[in-house]
């Protein structure tokens, strides 16, 4: 059970990181510095949330012992 949940947490974290980096944070154009803002203003927050989820999977794996 804990391997399954840990794997899901890692995949979800990596998915959020990839999604926020490729889809949300790509610049709208490449011609000037003025238009280099990300498409979504909270893309960095989603990326950090992905990192937190991926790293908290290790905490979950070590703390959760399952039912006996």
C-alpha atoms as a PDB file:
ATOM      1  CA  UNK A   1       0.000   0.000   0.000  1.00  0.00           C
ATOM      2  CA  UNK A   2       2.681   2.509   0.916  1.00  0.00           C
ATOM      3  CA  UNK A   3       4.663   1.823  -2.269  1.00  0.00           C
ATOM      4  CA  UNK A   4       1.539   2.479  -4.300  1.00  0.00           C
ATOM      5  CA  UNK A   5       0.790   5.796  -2.536  1.00  0.00           C
ATOM      6  CA  UNK A   6       4.442   6.833  -2.681  1.00  0.00           C
ATOM      7  CA  UNK A   7       4.581   6.154  -6.417  1.00  0.00           C
ATOM      8  CA  UNK A   8       1.398   8.135  -6.983  1.00  0.00           C
ATOM      9  CA  UNK A   9       2.816  11.056  -4.983  1.00  0.00           C
ATOM     10  CA  UNK A  10       6.057  11.037  -6.982  1.00  0.00           C
ATOM     11  CA  UNK A  11       4.237  10.856 -10.322  1.00  0.00           C
ATOM     12  CA  UNK A  12       1.810  13.611  -9.288  1.00  0.00           C
ATOM     13  CA  UNK A  13       4.675  15.838  -8.128  1.00  0.00           C
ATOM     14  CA  UNK A  14       6.650  15.309 -11.314  1.00  0.00           C
ATOM     15  CA  UNK A  15       3.514  15.873 -13.361  1.00  0.00           C
ATOM     16  CA  UNK A  16       2.875  19.211 -11.660  1.00  0.00           C
ATOM     17  CA  UNK A  17       6.502  20.248 -12.147  1.00  0.00           C
ATOM     18  CA  UNK A  18       6.488  19.361 -15.842  1.00  0.00           C
ATOM     19  CA  UNK A  19       3.082  20.951 -16.433  1.00  0.00           C
ATOM     20  CA  UNK A  20       3.973  24.194 -14.711  1.00  0.00           C
ATOM     21  CA  UNK A  21       7.352  24.469 -16.410  1.00  0.00           C
ATOM     22  CA  UNK A  22       6.270  23.630 -19.957  1.00  0.00           C
ATOM     23  CA  UNK A  23       2.683  24.873 -20.182  1.00  0.00           C
ATOM     24  CA  UNK A  24       2.301  27.609 -17.581  1.00  0.00           C
ATOM     25  CA  UNK A  25       5.701  29.273 -17.385  1.00  0.00           C
ATOM     26  CA  UNK A  26       6.643  29.486 -21.047  1.00  0.00           C
ATOM     27  CA  UNK A  27       6.965  33.057 -22.254  1.00  0.00           C
ATOM     28  CA  UNK A  28       4.284  34.458 -24.507  1.00  0.00           C
ATOM     29  CA  UNK A  29       6.792  35.587 -27.109  1.00  0.00           C
ATOM     30  CA  UNK A  30      10.545  35.619 -27.666  1.00  0.00           C
ATOM     31  CA  UNK A  31      11.071  39.057 -29.140  1.00  0.00           C
ATOM     32  CA  UNK A  32      11.657  41.299 -26.129  1.00  0.00           C
ATOM     33  CA  UNK A  33      12.074  41.369 -22.382  1.00  0.00           C
ATOM     34  CA  UNK A  34       8.712  43.089 -21.961  1.00  0.00           C
ATOM     35  CA  UNK A  35       6.754  40.013 -23.073  1.00  0.00           C
ATOM     36  CA  UNK A  36       8.797  37.385 -21.220  1.00  0.00           C
ATOM     37  CA  UNK A  37       6.373  37.029 -18.319  1.00  0.00           C
ATOM     38  CA  UNK A  38       4.895  33.564 -17.811  1.00  0.00           C
ATOM     39  CA  UNK A  39       1.423  32.748 -19.143  1.00  0.00           C
ATOM     40  CA  UNK A  40       0.105  31.992 -15.647  1.00  0.00           C
ATOM     41  CA  UNK A  41       1.211  34.210 -12.791  1.00  0.00           C
ATOM     42  CA  UNK A  42       1.237  31.412 -10.193  1.00  0.00           C
ATOM     43  CA  UNK A  43       3.269  28.929 -12.277  1.00  0.00           C
ATOM     44  CA  UNK A  44       6.167  29.092  -9.832  1.00  0.00           C
ATOM     45  CA  UNK A  45       3.830  28.217  -6.973  1.00  0.00           C
ATOM     46  CA  UNK A  46       2.546  25.146  -8.832  1.00  0.00           C
ATOM     47  CA  UNK A  47       6.148  24.088  -9.496  1.00  0.00           C
ATOM     48  CA  UNK A  48       7.016  24.423  -5.811  1.00  0.00           C
ATOM     49  CA  UNK A  49       3.881  22.458  -4.875  1.00  0.00           C
ATOM     50  CA  UNK A  50       5.088  19.658  -7.159  1.00  0.00           C
ATOM     51  CA  UNK A  51       8.461  19.660  -5.430  1.00  0.00           C
ATOM     52  CA  UNK A  52       6.825  19.532  -1.997  1.00  0.00           C
ATOM     53  CA  UNK A  53       4.595  16.613  -3.018  1.00  0.00           C
ATOM     54  CA  UNK A  54       7.481  14.669  -4.552  1.00  0.00           C
ATOM     55  CA  UNK A  55       9.734  15.126  -1.526  1.00  0.00           C
ATOM     56  CA  UNK A  56       6.958  14.478   0.985  1.00  0.00           C
ATOM     57  CA  UNK A  57       6.523  11.042  -0.571  1.00  0.00           C
ATOM     58  CA  UNK A  58       9.746  10.003   1.169  1.00  0.00           C
ATOM     59  CA  UNK A  59       8.346  11.189   4.493  1.00  0.00           C
ATOM     60  CA  UNK A  60       5.119   9.272   3.870  1.00  0.00           C
ATOM     61  CA  UNK A  61       7.029   6.110   2.959  1.00  0.00           C
ATOM     62  CA  UNK A  62       9.122   6.206   6.122  1.00  0.00           C
ATOM     63  CA  UNK A  63       6.327   7.209   8.528  1.00  0.00           C
ATOM     64  CA  UNK A  64       3.378   5.108   7.301  1.00  0.00           C
ATOM     65  CA  UNK A  65       3.725   1.501   8.386  1.00  0.00           C
ATOM     66  CA  UNK A  66       0.319   0.245   7.256  1.00  0.00           C
ATOM     67  CA  UNK A  67      -2.210  -1.860   9.061  1.00  0.00           C
ATOM     68  CA  UNK A  68      -1.294  -5.111  10.757  1.00  0.00           C
END
